[in-house]
Amino acid sequence: MAKFVLGAFSASLSGSSGTTVFVRTAGGVVVRDRVVPRNPRTADQTRQRNRLARAVATWSGLDPGVRAAWEAYARSLAVTDPESGLPRTPRAMNLFTAQFTKLMQLDPAAAPPLSPPGNPFFGDAVSVTVAPMWLGRPAPGPQGGPPSPGGVGEGLDSPFRDPFVPDAPEGTGATFTADRANSAGVVTELLLQPLATGARRAYRDKYRAQGFVAFAPGSLSATVPALPGWHACGVRFVNAATGQATPVVELGTVLVGAGG
């Protein structure tokens, strides 16, 4: 993939020619090969697409004053592109839809965020570790140390899970343990990514939400179901009021499997 900084006329270049695709981004025009995306149409993907469709439709129908506020918010987040030296401004629509879809993950009936966030969100001071569970007990092996005691976190019965999760044996999965309670108004999004082997690389954009938990004193552990095998684990901190979220914090891989 290549990125070009083009002149005034060609800066509007977009579309495709043969097997080449031109994509306008905040940092310039990206030139890449045409790729036919994989589309397994899982239930999780369908729910996310429905949330995104609702968010996009809501953006299109917003009052001009509300959209202007989000445009101003986007300009306040502009940074300098390290390659081109030009200002790189996120799109207001992308900011709105990202935060609205996150709010809908937390609550399907959530109202759209008509005002952009008044403050940046830097996440939480919580540190999370993860360990595999097998049939209700810590799995043996180098990653099988016992998790801290605590109850299952709230939100883990929510519907957004990958299709491999519901068939996991009872008590089998990954246990996420926090070193402290979440700050007020912050929840932790628990993420898994199945891997073919322990040596397989994990990709930040392929983690899937397994649920949200508000870690609290006396309830610092939460277990999410997972089939036997290797899983990359991660978390993301979310402002429950605004939908702002941090990038994925990767926690490493665990092997969920039968133990002696």
Foldseek 3Di string as FASTA:
>chain_A
DDFDADDPVCQPDAQDDDQWGWDRALQGIDIDGHDDDDCPPFPLVVVLVVLLVVLLVVLVPDDPVLLVQLQVVQVVPWDQDPPPRHIGTDDSSVVQSLLSSLLCQVPVPDDGDSHADPDDDDFWPKDKAKFWWAQQAFADDPRRDGADDADAFPWLVRDNDTPQFPPFPPGGFMKMFIPAFTDPQKKKFKWKAADPALPDDDDQVRTTTNTIGGAHVRHGMHGGGHHFHKMWIWMWMARNVGSDIDRTDTRGMYGTDDHD
